[in-house]
Amino acid sequence: MFARLSTVSTVLFFATFAAATAVPRTDKPTTGDECTAVGGDVNCCNSVSEVDDPAVKTIAGLLGIVLGPLDALIGLTCSGIDIIGGGNSCTSQTVCCTGNNFGGGLLVIGCSPINIDI
């Protein structure tokens, strides 16, 4: 009886953990205004990669993040951009990220490239 309870608890634990990192599929915004309209954050990322990229897997592993199959890009080493205030510039990739942010921007889920003039 306790073995069955232990198994169920373990399965529920991992299912909950995986659900916390899931990203809902939405239409990808193409501008900063569209990004904020869908609840996303405009970021400047040093790189944007697929989930199966070795760098993404390494960083996710170090942060203890389980990444399942996602139909979204992962931003690496990202910082926020204030599209209203201006004055900020992005010399890397400007993206809209609608998913979770881990490690203060070290890994951001659900990013898509956008055009923005700042």
PDB file of N, CA and C in Angstrom:
ATOM      1  N   MET A   1       0.816  -1.187   0.000  1.00  0.00           N
ATOM      2  CA  MET A   1       0.000   0.000   0.000  1.00  0.00           C
ATOM      3  C   MET A   1       0.869   1.264   0.000  1.00  0.00           C
ATOM      4  N   PHE A   2       1.902   1.260   0.868  1.00  0.00           N
ATOM      5  CA  PHE A   2       2.760   2.435   0.937  1.00  0.00           C
ATOM      6  C   PHE A   2       3.628   2.579  -0.313  1.00  0.00           C
ATOM      7  N   ALA A   3       3.967   1.473  -0.938  1.00  0.00           N
ATOM      8  CA  ALA A   3       4.736   1.533  -2.182  1.00  0.00           C
ATOM      9  C   ALA A   3       3.918   2.194  -3.279  1.00  0.00           C
ATOM     10  N   ARG A   4       2.647   1.873  -3.341  1.00  0.00           N
ATOM     11  CA  ARG A   4       1.767   2.477  -4.339  1.00  0.00           C
ATOM     12  C   ARG A   4       1.608   3.977  -4.065  1.00  0.00           C
ATOM     13  N   LEU A   5       1.457   4.361  -2.801  1.00  0.00           N
ATOM     14  CA  LEU A   5       1.334   5.768  -2.425  1.00  0.00           C
ATOM     15  C   LEU A   5       2.612   6.520  -2.780  1.00  0.00           C
ATOM     16  N   SER A   6       3.749   5.884  -2.544  1.00  0.00           N
ATOM     17  CA  SER A   6       5.030   6.491  -2.876  1.00  0.00           C
ATOM     18  C   SER A   6       5.164   6.713  -4.381  1.00  0.00           C
ATOM     19  N   THR A   7       4.746   5.748  -5.167  1.00  0.00           N
ATOM     20  CA  THR A   7       4.813   5.856  -6.624  1.00  0.00           C
ATOM     21  C   THR A   7       3.911   6.969  -7.132  1.00  0.00           C
ATOM     22  N   VAL A   8       2.704   7.033  -6.623  1.00  0.00           N
ATOM     23  CA  VAL A   8       1.763   8.079  -7.031  1.00  0.00           C
ATOM     24  C   VAL A   8       2.296   9.449  -6.644  1.00  0.00           C
ATOM     25  N   SER A   9       2.853   9.569  -5.447  1.00  0.00           N
ATOM     26  CA  SER A   9       3.411  10.852  -5.002  1.00  0.00           C
ATOM     27  C   SER A   9       4.559  11.295  -5.897  1.00  0.00           C
ATOM     28  N   THR A  10       5.415  10.356  -6.271  1.00  0.00           N
ATOM     29  CA  THR A  10       6.544  10.678  -7.142  1.00  0.00           C
ATOM     30  C   THR A  10       6.069  11.146  -8.513  1.00  0.00           C
ATOM     31  N   VAL A  11       5.113  10.455  -9.085  1.00  0.00           N
ATOM     32  CA  VAL A  11       4.577  10.833 -10.396  1.00  0.00           C
ATOM     33  C   VAL A  11       3.929  12.208 -10.328  1.00  0.00           C
ATOM     34  N   LEU A  12       3.147  12.467  -9.294  1.00  0.00           N
ATOM     35  CA  LEU A  12       2.499  13.777  -9.150  1.00  0.00           C
ATOM     36  C   LEU A  12       3.525  14.887  -8.968  1.00  0.00           C
ATOM     37  N   PHE A  13       4.600  14.603  -8.228  1.00  0.00           N
ATOM     38  CA  PHE A  13       5.644  15.599  -8.026  1.00  0.00           C
ATOM     39  C   PHE A  13       6.259  16.024  -9.361  1.00  0.00           C
ATOM     40  N   PHE A  14       6.660  15.046 -10.180  1.00  0.00           N
ATOM     41  CA  PHE A  14       7.288  15.370 -11.454  1.00  0.00           C
ATOM     42  C   PHE A  14       6.304  15.990 -12.440  1.00  0.00           C
ATOM     43  N   ALA A  15       5.061  15.582 -12.402  1.00  0.00           N
ATOM     44  CA  ALA A  15       4.051  16.181 -13.282  1.00  0.00           C
ATOM     45  C   ALA A  15       3.834  17.642 -12.922  1.00  0.00           C
ATOM     46  N   THR A  16       3.805  17.951 -11.637  1.00  0.00           N
ATOM     47  CA  THR A  16       3.644  19.336 -11.194  1.00  0.00           C
ATOM     48  C   THR A  16       4.853  20.164 -11.588  1.00  0.00           C
ATOM     49  N   PHE A  17       6.050  19.611 -11.430  1.00  0.00           N
ATOM     50  CA  PHE A  17       7.266  20.334 -11.776  1.00  0.00           C
ATOM     51  C   PHE A  17       7.323  20.622 -13.268  1.00  0.00           C
ATOM     52  N   ALA A  18       6.965  19.652 -14.081  1.00  0.00           N
ATOM     53  CA  ALA A  18       6.963  19.843 -15.532  1.00  0.00           C
ATOM     54  C   ALA A  18       5.912  20.850 -15.943  1.00  0.00           C
ATOM     55  N   ALA A  19       4.764  20.842 -15.290  1.00  0.00           N
ATOM     56  CA  ALA A  19       3.697  21.783 -15.629  1.00  0.00           C
ATOM     57  C   ALA A  19       4.108  23.212 -15.319  1.00  0.00           C
ATOM     58  N   ALA A  20       4.963  23.405 -14.340  1.00  0.00           N
ATOM     59  CA  ALA A  20       5.385  24.752 -13.971  1.00  0.00           C
ATOM     60  C   ALA A  20       6.255  25.388 -15.042  1.00  0.00           C
ATOM     61  N   THR A  21       6.866  24.590 -15.904  1.00  0.00           N
ATOM     62  CA  THR A  21       7.736  25.143 -16.933  1.00  0.00           C
ATOM     63  C   THR A  21       7.094  25.122 -18.317  1.00  0.00           C
ATOM     64  N   ALA A  22       5.848  24.737 -18.395  1.00  0.00           N
ATOM     65  CA  ALA A  22       5.179  24.690 -19.694  1.00  0.00           C
ATOM     66  C   ALA A  22       4.856  26.095 -20.182  1.00  0.00           C
ATOM     67  N   VAL A  23       4.888  26.278 -21.489  1.00  0.00           N
ATOM     68  CA  VAL A  23       4.582  27.566 -22.098  1.00  0.00           C
ATOM     69  C   VAL A  23       3.395  27.380 -23.032  1.00  0.00           C
ATOM     70  N   PRO A  24       2.322  28.137 -22.809  1.00  0.00           N
ATOM     71  CA  PRO A  24       1.186  28.005 -23.717  1.00  0.00           C
ATOM     72  C   PRO A  24       1.532  28.529 -25.106  1.00  0.00           C
ATOM     73  N   ARG A  25       1.006  27.880 -26.122  1.00  0.00           N
ATOM     74  CA  ARG A  25       1.260  28.300 -27.493  1.00  0.00           C
ATOM     75  C   ARG A  25       0.349  29.473 -27.834  1.00  0.00           C
ATOM     76  N   THR A  26       0.953  30.545 -28.313  1.00  0.00           N
ATOM     77  CA  THR A  26       0.212  31.735 -28.723  1.00  0.00           C
ATOM     78  C   THR A  26       0.796  32.239 -30.033  1.00  0.00           C
ATOM     79  N   ASP A  27       0.083  33.154 -30.693  1.00  0.00           N
ATOM     80  CA  ASP A  27       0.653  33.800 -31.866  1.00  0.00           C
ATOM     81  C   ASP A  27       1.832  34.635 -31.407  1.00  0.00           C
ATOM     82  N   LYS A  28       2.895  34.608 -32.190  1.00  0.00           N
ATOM     83  CA  LYS A  28       4.105  35.305 -31.792  1.00  0.00           C
ATOM     84  C   LYS A  28       4.008  36.789 -32.139  1.00  0.00           C
ATOM     85  N   PRO A  29       4.235  37.662 -31.158  1.00  0.00           N
ATOM     86  CA  PRO A  29       4.211  39.097 -31.432  1.00  0.00           C
ATOM     87  C   PRO A  29       5.399  39.497 -32.299  1.00  0.00           C
ATOM     88  N   THR A  30       5.234  40.566 -33.059  1.00  0.00           N
ATOM     89  CA  THR A  30       6.313  41.016 -33.935  1.00  0.00           C
ATOM     90  C   THR A  30       6.848  42.391 -33.562  1.00  0.00           C
ATOM     91  N   THR A  31       6.183  43.101 -32.652  1.00  0.00           N
ATOM     92  CA  THR A  31       6.643  44.419 -32.213  1.00  0.00           C
ATOM     93  C   THR A  31       6.603  44.491 -30.690  1.00  0.00           C
ATOM     94  N   GLY A  32       7.246  45.510 -30.148  1.00  0.00           N
ATOM     95  CA  GLY A  32       7.238  45.709 -28.707  1.00  0.00           C
ATOM     96  C   GLY A  32       5.850  45.944 -28.158  1.00  0.00           C
ATOM     97  N   ASP A  33       5.023  46.705 -28.888  1.00  0.00           N
ATOM     98  CA  ASP A  33       3.657  46.960 -28.434  1.00  0.00           C
ATOM     99  C   ASP A  33       2.838  45.678 -28.403  1.00  0.00           C
ATOM    100  N   GLU A  34       2.985  44.838 -29.424  1.00  0.00           N
ATOM    101  CA  GLU A  34       2.273  43.557 -29.445  1.00  0.00           C
ATOM    102  C   GLU A  34       2.762  42.661 -28.311  1.00  0.00           C
ATOM    103  N   CYS A  35       4.031  42.736 -27.995  1.00  0.00           N
ATOM    104  CA  CYS A  35       4.601  41.928 -26.923  1.00  0.00           C
ATOM    105  C   CYS A  35       3.958  42.272 -25.584  1.00  0.00           C
ATOM    106  N   THR A  36       3.910  43.551 -25.264  1.00  0.00           N
ATOM    107  CA  THR A  36       3.320  43.951 -23.989  1.00  0.00           C
ATOM    108  C   THR A  36       1.815  43.711 -23.969  1.00  0.00           C
ATOM    109  N   ALA A  37       1.173  43.753 -25.134  1.00  0.00           N
ATOM    110  CA  ALA A  37      -0.271  43.514 -25.200  1.00  0.00           C
ATOM    111  C   ALA A  37      -0.620  42.070 -24.847  1.00  0.00           C
ATOM    112  N   VAL A  38       0.268  41.124 -25.121  1.00  0.00           N
ATOM    113  CA  VAL A  38       0.007  39.721 -24.793  1.00  0.00           C
ATOM    114  C   VAL A  38       0.607  39.330 -23.442  1.00  0.00           C
ATOM    115  N   GLY A  39       1.082  40.318 -22.700  1.00  0.00           N
ATOM    116  CA  GLY A  39       1.631  40.044 -21.376  1.00  0.00           C
ATOM    117  C   GLY A  39       3.076  39.605 -21.375  1.00  0.00           C
ATOM    118  N   GLY A  40       3.767  39.831 -22.478  1.00  0.00           N
ATOM    119  CA  GLY A  40       5.171  39.450 -22.561  1.00  0.00           C
ATOM    120  C   GLY A  40       6.091  40.567 -22.112  1.00  0.00           C
ATOM    121  N   ASP A  41       7.356  40.246 -22.041  1.00  0.00           N
ATOM    122  CA  ASP A  41       8.392  41.210 -21.677  1.00  0.00           C
ATOM    123  C   ASP A  41       9.372  41.337 -22.834  1.00  0.00           C
ATOM    124  N   VAL A  42       9.720  42.572 -23.174  1.00  0.00           N
ATOM    125  CA  VAL A  42      10.711  42.819 -24.216  1.00  0.00           C
ATOM    126  C   VAL A  42      12.087  42.675 -23.572  1.00  0.00           C
ATOM    127  N   ASN A  43      12.912  41.821 -24.157  1.00  0.00           N
ATOM    128  CA  ASN A  43      14.233  41.536 -23.617  1.00  0.00           C
ATOM    129  C   ASN A  43      15.302  41.662 -24.687  1.00  0.00           C
ATOM    130  N   CYS A  44      16.510  41.905 -24.230  1.00  0.00           N
ATOM    131  CA  CYS A  44      17.692  41.852 -25.079  1.00  0.00           C
ATOM    132  C   CYS A  44      18.477  40.628 -24.622  1.00  0.00           C
ATOM    133  N   CYS A  45      18.583  39.622 -25.487  1.00  0.00           N
ATOM    134  CA  CYS A  45      19.250  38.365 -25.131  1.00  0.00           C
ATOM    135  C   CYS A  45      20.546  38.207 -25.916  1.00  0.00           C
ATOM    136  N   ASN A  46      21.576  37.708 -25.246  1.00  0.00           N
ATOM    137  CA  ASN A  46      22.838  37.459 -25.940  1.00  0.00           C
ATOM    138  C   ASN A  46      22.679  36.405 -27.016  1.00  0.00           C
ATOM    139  N   SER A  47      21.789  35.437 -26.780  1.00  0.00           N
ATOM    140  CA  SER A  47      21.503  34.434 -27.801  1.00  0.00           C
ATOM    141  C   SER A  47      20.115  33.859 -27.580  1.00  0.00           C
ATOM    142  N   VAL A  48      19.553  33.315 -28.646  1.00  0.00           N
ATOM    143  CA  VAL A  48      18.248  32.662 -28.602  1.00  0.00           C
ATOM    144  C   VAL A  48      18.428  31.302 -29.262  1.00  0.00           C
ATOM    145  N   SER A  49      17.999  30.259 -28.569  1.00  0.00           N
ATOM    146  CA  SER A  49      18.254  28.898 -29.042  1.00  0.00           C
ATOM    147  C   SER A  49      17.026  28.013 -28.906  1.00  0.00           C
ATOM    148  N   GLU A  50      17.100  26.855 -29.546  1.00  0.00           N
ATOM    149  CA  GLU A  50      16.073  25.825 -29.417  1.00  0.00           C
ATOM    150  C   GLU A  50      16.275  25.088 -28.093  1.00  0.00           C
ATOM    151  N   VAL A  51      15.248  24.383 -27.661  1.00  0.00           N
ATOM    152  CA  VAL A  51      15.294  23.637 -26.405  1.00  0.00           C
ATOM    153  C   VAL A  51      16.390  22.574 -26.409  1.00  0.00           C
ATOM    154  N   ASP A  52      16.664  21.969 -27.563  1.00  0.00           N
ATOM    155  CA  ASP A  52      17.641  20.886 -27.616  1.00  0.00           C
ATOM    156  C   ASP A  52      19.084  21.363 -27.787  1.00  0.00           C
ATOM    157  N   ASP A  53      19.320  22.672 -27.748  1.00  0.00           N
ATOM    158  CA  ASP A  53      20.670  23.212 -27.849  1.00  0.00           C
ATOM    159  C   ASP A  53      21.476  22.791 -26.611  1.00  0.00           C
ATOM    160  N   PRO A  54      22.727  22.337 -26.790  1.00  0.00           N
ATOM    161  CA  PRO A  54      23.534  21.899 -25.643  1.00  0.00           C
ATOM    162  C   PRO A  54      23.717  22.981 -24.569  1.00  0.00           C
ATOM    163  N   ALA A  55      23.869  24.238 -24.961  1.00  0.00           N
ATOM    164  CA  ALA A  55      24.024  25.314 -23.979  1.00  0.00           C
ATOM    165  C   ALA A  55      22.759  25.465 -23.138  1.00  0.00           C
ATOM    166  N   VAL A  56      21.599  25.363 -23.781  1.00  0.00           N
ATOM    167  CA  VAL A  56      20.327  25.456 -23.060  1.00  0.00           C
ATOM    168  C   VAL A  56      20.205  24.301 -22.077  1.00  0.00           C
ATOM    169  N   LYS A  57      20.528  23.097 -22.529  1.00  0.00           N
ATOM    170  CA  LYS A  57      20.439  21.923 -21.655  1.00  0.00           C
ATOM    171  C   LYS A  57      21.371  22.056 -20.456  1.00  0.00           C
ATOM    172  N   THR A  58      22.587  22.560 -20.683  1.00  0.00           N
ATOM    173  CA  THR A  58      23.552  22.713 -19.596  1.00  0.00           C
ATOM    174  C   THR A  58      23.059  23.719 -18.566  1.00  0.00           C
ATOM    175  N   ILE A  59      22.636  24.890 -19.025  1.00  0.00           N
ATOM    176  CA  ILE A  59      22.168  25.924 -18.097  1.00  0.00           C
ATOM    177  C   ILE A  59      20.911  25.470 -17.367  1.00  0.00           C
ATOM    178  N   ALA A  60      19.986  24.849 -18.085  1.00  0.00           N
ATOM    179  CA  ALA A  60      18.764  24.349 -17.449  1.00  0.00           C
ATOM    180  C   ALA A  60      19.107  23.313 -16.381  1.00  0.00           C
ATOM    181  N   GLY A  61      20.047  22.435 -16.675  1.00  0.00           N
ATOM    182  CA  GLY A  61      20.461  21.431 -15.702  1.00  0.00           C
ATOM    183  C   GLY A  61      21.071  22.051 -14.459  1.00  0.00           C
ATOM    184  N   LEU A  62      21.924  23.063 -14.653  1.00  0.00           N
ATOM    185  CA  LEU A  62      22.543  23.739 -13.512  1.00  0.00           C
ATOM    186  C   LEU A  62      21.515  24.468 -12.652  1.00  0.00           C
ATOM    187  N   LEU A  63      20.460  24.983 -13.289  1.00  0.00           N
ATOM    188  CA  LEU A  63      19.406  25.681 -12.551  1.00  0.00           C
ATOM    189  C   LEU A  63      18.339  24.727 -12.015  1.00  0.00           C
ATOM    190  N   GLY A  64      18.448  23.438 -12.354  1.00  0.00           N
ATOM    191  CA  GLY A  64      17.468  22.459 -11.890  1.00  0.00           C
ATOM    192  C   GLY A  64      16.134  22.549 -12.603  1.00  0.00           C
ATOM    193  N   ILE A  65      16.162  22.955 -13.872  1.00  0.00           N
ATOM    194  CA  ILE A  65      14.939  23.136 -14.650  1.00  0.00           C
ATOM    195  C   ILE A  65      14.774  21.957 -15.603  1.00  0.00           C
ATOM    196  N   VAL A  66      13.588  21.383 -15.616  1.00  0.00           N
ATOM    197  CA  VAL A  66      13.273  20.308 -16.552  1.00  0.00           C
ATOM    198  C   VAL A  66      12.526  20.929 -17.725  1.00  0.00           C
ATOM    199  N   LEU A  67      13.130  20.895 -18.901  1.00  0.00           N
ATOM    200  CA  LEU A  67      12.506  21.450 -20.096  1.00  0.00           C
ATOM    201  C   LEU A  67      11.952  20.323 -20.949  1.00  0.00           C
ATOM    202  N   GLY A  68      10.667  20.352 -21.176  1.00  0.00           N
ATOM    203  CA  GLY A  68      10.039  19.375 -22.052  1.00  0.00           C
ATOM    204  C   GLY A  68      10.051  19.891 -23.471  1.00  0.00           C
ATOM    205  N   PRO A  69       9.383  19.197 -24.358  1.00  0.00           N
ATOM    206  CA  PRO A  69       9.293  19.689 -25.736  1.00  0.00           C
ATOM    207  C   PRO A  69       8.487  20.989 -25.779  1.00  0.00           C
ATOM    208  N   LEU A  70       9.082  22.026 -26.330  1.00  0.00           N
ATOM    209  CA  LEU A  70       8.429  23.333 -26.419  1.00  0.00           C
ATOM    210  C   LEU A  70       8.441  23.820 -27.855  1.00  0.00           C
ATOM    211  N   ASP A  71       7.391  24.507 -28.234  1.00  0.00           N
ATOM    212  CA  ASP A  71       7.343  25.157 -29.542  1.00  0.00           C
ATOM    213  C   ASP A  71       7.671  26.631 -29.339  1.00  0.00           C
ATOM    214  N   ALA A  72       8.814  26.866 -28.716  1.00  0.00           N
ATOM    215  CA  ALA A  72       9.230  28.232 -28.411  1.00  0.00           C
ATOM    216  C   ALA A  72      10.748  28.254 -28.288  1.00  0.00           C
ATOM    217  N   LEU A  73      11.309  29.416 -28.456  1.00  0.00           N
ATOM    218  CA  LEU A  73      12.747  29.582 -28.317  1.00  0.00           C
ATOM    219  C   LEU A  73      13.096  29.919 -26.871  1.00  0.00           C
ATOM    220  N   ILE A  74      14.339  29.676 -26.521  1.00  0.00           N
ATOM    221  CA  ILE A  74      14.850  29.949 -25.188  1.00  0.00           C
ATOM    222  C   ILE A  74      15.864  31.085 -25.305  1.00  0.00           C
ATOM    223  N   GLY A  75      15.666  32.141 -24.522  1.00  0.00           N
ATOM    224  CA  GLY A  75      16.612  33.245 -24.486  1.00  0.00           C
ATOM    225  C   GLY A  75      17.674  32.989 -23.434  1.00  0.00           C
ATOM    226  N   LEU A  76      18.931  33.243 -23.780  1.00  0.00           N
ATOM    227  CA  LEU A  76      20.032  33.060 -22.844  1.00  0.00           C
ATOM    228  C   LEU A  76      20.682  34.397 -22.534  1.00  0.00           C
ATOM    229  N   THR A  77      20.927  34.639 -21.272  1.00  0.00           N
ATOM    230  CA  THR A  77      21.533  35.862 -20.759  1.00  0.00           C
ATOM    231  C   THR A  77      20.764  37.081 -21.267  1.00  0.00           C
ATOM    232  N   CYS A  78      19.562  37.250 -20.753  1.00  0.00           N
ATOM    233  CA  CYS A  78      18.653  38.311 -21.202  1.00  0.00           C
ATOM    234  C   CYS A  78      18.519  39.407 -20.149  1.00  0.00           C
ATOM    235  N   SER A  79      18.268  40.605 -20.622  1.00  0.00           N
ATOM    236  CA  SER A  79      17.947  41.716 -19.727  1.00  0.00           C
ATOM    237  C   SER A  79      16.763  42.464 -20.316  1.00  0.00           C
ATOM    238  N   GLY A  80      15.941  43.013 -19.443  1.00  0.00           N
ATOM    239  CA  GLY A  80      14.740  43.711 -19.879  1.00  0.00           C
ATOM    240  C   GLY A  80      15.048  45.020 -20.578  1.00  0.00           C
ATOM    241  N   ILE A  81      14.155  45.409 -21.477  1.00  0.00           N
ATOM    242  CA  ILE A  81      14.262  46.679 -22.198  1.00  0.00           C
ATOM    243  C   ILE A  81      12.996  47.469 -21.931  1.00  0.00           C
ATOM    244  N   ASP A  82      13.146  48.731 -21.579  1.00  0.00           N
ATOM    245  CA  ASP A  82      11.999  49.615 -21.390  1.00  0.00           C
ATOM    246  C   ASP A  82      11.694  50.271 -22.728  1.00  0.00           C
ATOM    247  N   ILE A  83      10.642  49.789 -23.419  1.00  0.00           N
ATOM    248  CA  ILE A  83      10.353  50.308 -24.757  1.00  0.00           C
ATOM    249  C   ILE A  83       9.744  51.694 -24.717  1.00  0.00           C
ATOM    250  N   ILE A  84       9.204  52.101 -23.574  1.00  0.00           N
ATOM    251  CA  ILE A  84       8.588  53.426 -23.474  1.00  0.00           C
ATOM    252  C   ILE A  84       9.638  54.490 -23.203  1.00  0.00           C
ATOM    253  N   GLY A  85      10.542  54.215 -22.261  1.00  0.00           N
ATOM    254  CA  GLY A  85      11.519  55.212 -21.853  1.00  0.00           C
ATOM    255  C   GLY A  85      12.611  55.460 -22.860  1.00  0.00           C
ATOM    256  N   GLY A  86      12.895  54.480 -23.696  1.00  0.00           N
ATOM    257  CA  GLY A  86      13.989  54.633 -24.650  1.00  0.00           C
ATOM    258  C   GLY A  86      15.319  54.695 -23.931  1.00  0.00           C
ATOM    259  N   GLY A  87      16.351  55.063 -24.617  1.00  0.00           N
ATOM    260  CA  GLY A  87      17.661  55.186 -24.012  1.00  0.00           C
ATOM    261  C   GLY A  87      18.407  53.863 -23.917  1.00  0.00           C
ATOM    262  N   ASN A  88      17.708  52.768 -23.953  1.00  0.00           N
ATOM    263  CA  ASN A  88      18.356  51.460 -23.931  1.00  0.00           C
ATOM    264  C   ASN A  88      18.618  51.019 -25.361  1.00  0.00           C
ATOM    265  N   SER A  89      19.675  50.292 -25.546  1.00  0.00           N
ATOM    266  CA  SER A  89      19.921  49.743 -26.871  1.00  0.00           C
ATOM    267  C   SER A  89      20.281  48.279 -26.725  1.00  0.00           C
ATOM    268  N   CYS A  90      19.943  47.517 -27.727  1.00  0.00           N
ATOM    269  CA  CYS A  90      20.228  46.087 -27.726  1.00  0.00           C
ATOM    270  C   CYS A  90      21.137  45.798 -28.905  1.00  0.00           C
ATOM    271  N   THR A  91      22.348  45.366 -28.611  1.00  0.00           N
ATOM    272  CA  THR A  91      23.280  45.034 -29.679  1.00  0.00           C
ATOM    273  C   THR A  91      23.236  43.545 -30.010  1.00  0.00           C
ATOM    274  N   SER A  92      22.409  42.794 -29.288  1.00  0.00           N
ATOM    275  CA  SER A  92      22.253  41.362 -29.561  1.00  0.00           C
ATOM    276  C   SER A  92      20.897  41.125 -30.200  1.00  0.00           C
ATOM    277  N   GLN A  93      20.062  40.267 -29.606  1.00  0.00           N
ATOM    278  CA  GLN A  93      18.763  39.949 -30.182  1.00  0.00           C
ATOM    279  C   GLN A  93      17.634  40.496 -29.317  1.00  0.00           C
ATOM    280  N   THR A  94      16.766  41.297 -29.932  1.00  0.00           N
ATOM    281  CA  THR A  94      15.587  41.804 -29.237  1.00  0.00           C
ATOM    282  C   THR A  94      14.478  40.782 -29.399  1.00  0.00           C
ATOM    283  N   VAL A  95      13.932  40.343 -28.268  1.00  0.00           N
ATOM    284  CA  VAL A  95      12.922  39.294 -28.284  1.00  0.00           C
ATOM    285  C   VAL A  95      11.776  39.642 -27.347  1.00  0.00           C
ATOM    286  N   CYS A  96      10.636  39.008 -27.595  1.00  0.00           N
ATOM    287  CA  CYS A  96       9.493  39.067 -26.688  1.00  0.00           C
ATOM    288  C   CYS A  96       9.416  37.711 -26.006  1.00  0.00           C
ATOM    289  N   CYS A  97       9.464  37.711 -24.683  1.00  0.00           N
ATOM    290  CA  CYS A  97       9.421  36.457 -23.931  1.00  0.00           C
ATOM    291  C   CYS A  97       8.154  36.417 -23.089  1.00  0.00           C
ATOM    292  N   THR A  98       7.380  35.361 -23.270  1.00  0.00           N
ATOM    293  CA  THR A  98       6.105  35.229 -22.568  1.00  0.00           C
ATOM    294  C   THR A  98       6.122  34.115 -21.531  1.00  0.00           C
ATOM    295  N   GLY A  99       7.256  33.453 -21.355  1.00  0.00           N
ATOM    296  CA  GLY A  99       7.331  32.342 -20.408  1.00  0.00           C
ATOM    297  C   GLY A  99       8.082  32.715 -19.151  1.00  0.00           C
ATOM    298  N   ASN A 100       8.516  31.696 -18.426  1.00  0.00           N
ATOM    299  CA  ASN A 100       9.209  31.877 -17.157  1.00  0.00           C
ATOM    300  C   ASN A 100      10.620  32.399 -17.365  1.00  0.00           C
ATOM    301  N   ASN A 101      11.087  33.158 -16.375  1.00  0.00           N
ATOM    302  CA  ASN A 101      12.419  33.734 -16.365  1.00  0.00           C
ATOM    303  C   ASN A 101      13.172  33.099 -15.196  1.00  0.00           C
ATOM    304  N   PHE A 102      14.323  32.486 -15.476  1.00  0.00           N
ATOM    305  CA  PHE A 102      15.088  31.810 -14.438  1.00  0.00           C
ATOM    306  C   PHE A 102      16.462  32.445 -14.300  1.00  0.00           C
ATOM    307  N   GLY A 103      16.946  32.522 -13.075  1.00  0.00           N
ATOM    308  CA  GLY A 103      18.294  33.017 -12.819  1.00  0.00           C
ATOM    309  C   GLY A 103      18.481  34.469 -13.191  1.00  0.00           C
ATOM    310  N   GLY A 104      17.449  35.292 -13.022  1.00  0.00           N
ATOM    311  CA  GLY A 104      17.569  36.717 -13.330  1.00  0.00           C
ATOM    312  C   GLY A 104      17.856  36.993 -14.791  1.00  0.00           C
ATOM    313  N   GLY A 105      17.293  36.180 -15.679  1.00  0.00           N
ATOM    314  CA  GLY A 105      17.480  36.374 -17.113  1.00  0.00           C
ATOM    315  C   GLY A 105      18.502  35.444 -17.731  1.00  0.00           C
ATOM    316  N   LEU A 106      19.091  34.583 -16.911  1.00  0.00           N
ATOM    317  CA  LEU A 106      20.069  33.635 -17.442  1.00  0.00           C
ATOM    318  C   LEU A 106      19.423  32.710 -18.459  1.00  0.00           C
ATOM    319  N   LEU A 107      18.171  32.305 -18.202  1.00  0.00           N
ATOM    320  CA  LEU A 107      17.426  31.448 -19.115  1.00  0.00           C
ATOM    321  C   LEU A 107      15.968  31.904 -19.082  1.00  0.00           C
ATOM    322  N   VAL A 108      15.439  32.275 -20.247  1.00  0.00           N
ATOM    323  CA  VAL A 108      14.061  32.759 -20.343  1.00  0.00           C
ATOM    324  C   VAL A 108      13.330  31.918 -21.383  1.00  0.00           C
ATOM    325  N   ILE A 109      12.165  31.405 -21.005  1.00  0.00           N
ATOM    326  CA  ILE A 109      11.400  30.498 -21.864  1.00  0.00           C
ATOM    327  C   ILE A 109      10.368  31.277 -22.677  1.00  0.00           C
ATOM    328  N   GLY A 110      10.104  30.803 -23.875  1.00  0.00           N
ATOM    329  CA  GLY A 110       9.020  31.349 -24.692  1.00  0.00           C
ATOM    330  C   GLY A 110       9.357  32.654 -25.375  1.00  0.00           C
ATOM    331  N   CYS A 111      10.525  32.740 -25.975  1.00  0.00           N
ATOM    332  CA  CYS A 111      10.956  33.974 -26.634  1.00  0.00           C
ATOM    333  C   CYS A 111      10.753  33.887 -28.146  1.00  0.00           C
ATOM    334  N   SER A 112      10.466  35.033 -28.741  1.00  0.00           N
ATOM    335  CA  SER A 112      10.381  35.125 -30.198  1.00  0.00           C
ATOM    336  C   SER A 112      10.965  36.466 -30.625  1.00  0.00           C
ATOM    337  N   PRO A 113      11.706  36.482 -31.724  1.00  0.00           N
ATOM    338  CA  PRO A 113      12.320  37.724 -32.201  1.00  0.00           C
ATOM    339  C   PRO A 113      11.263  38.768 -32.547  1.00  0.00           C
ATOM    340  N   ILE A 114      11.552  40.023 -32.227  1.00  0.00           N
ATOM    341  CA  ILE A 114      10.654  41.127 -32.576  1.00  0.00           C
ATOM    342  C   ILE A 114      11.472  42.270 -33.155  1.00  0.00           C
ATOM    343  N   ASN A 115      10.779  43.161 -33.849  1.00  0.00           N
ATOM    344  CA  ASN A 115      11.394  44.380 -34.363  1.00  0.00           C
ATOM    345  C   ASN A 115      11.026  45.510 -33.423  1.00  0.00           C
ATOM    346  N   ILE A 116      12.024  46.274 -33.034  1.00  0.00           N
ATOM    347  CA  ILE A 116      11.769  47.405 -32.146  1.00  0.00           C
ATOM    348  C   ILE A 116      12.802  48.483 -32.446  1.00  0.00           C
ATOM    349  N   ASP A 117      12.356  49.696 -32.527  1.00  0.00           N
ATOM    350  CA  ASP A 117      13.255  50.830 -32.724  1.00  0.00           C
ATOM    351  C   ASP A 117      13.337  51.588 -31.419  1.00  0.00           C
ATOM    352  N   ILE A 118      14.513  51.537 -30.792  1.00  0.00           N
ATOM    353  CA  ILE A 118      14.701  52.268 -29.540  1.00  0.00           C
ATOM    354  C   ILE A 118      15.895  53.168 -29.646  1.00  0.00           C
TER     355      ILE A 118
END
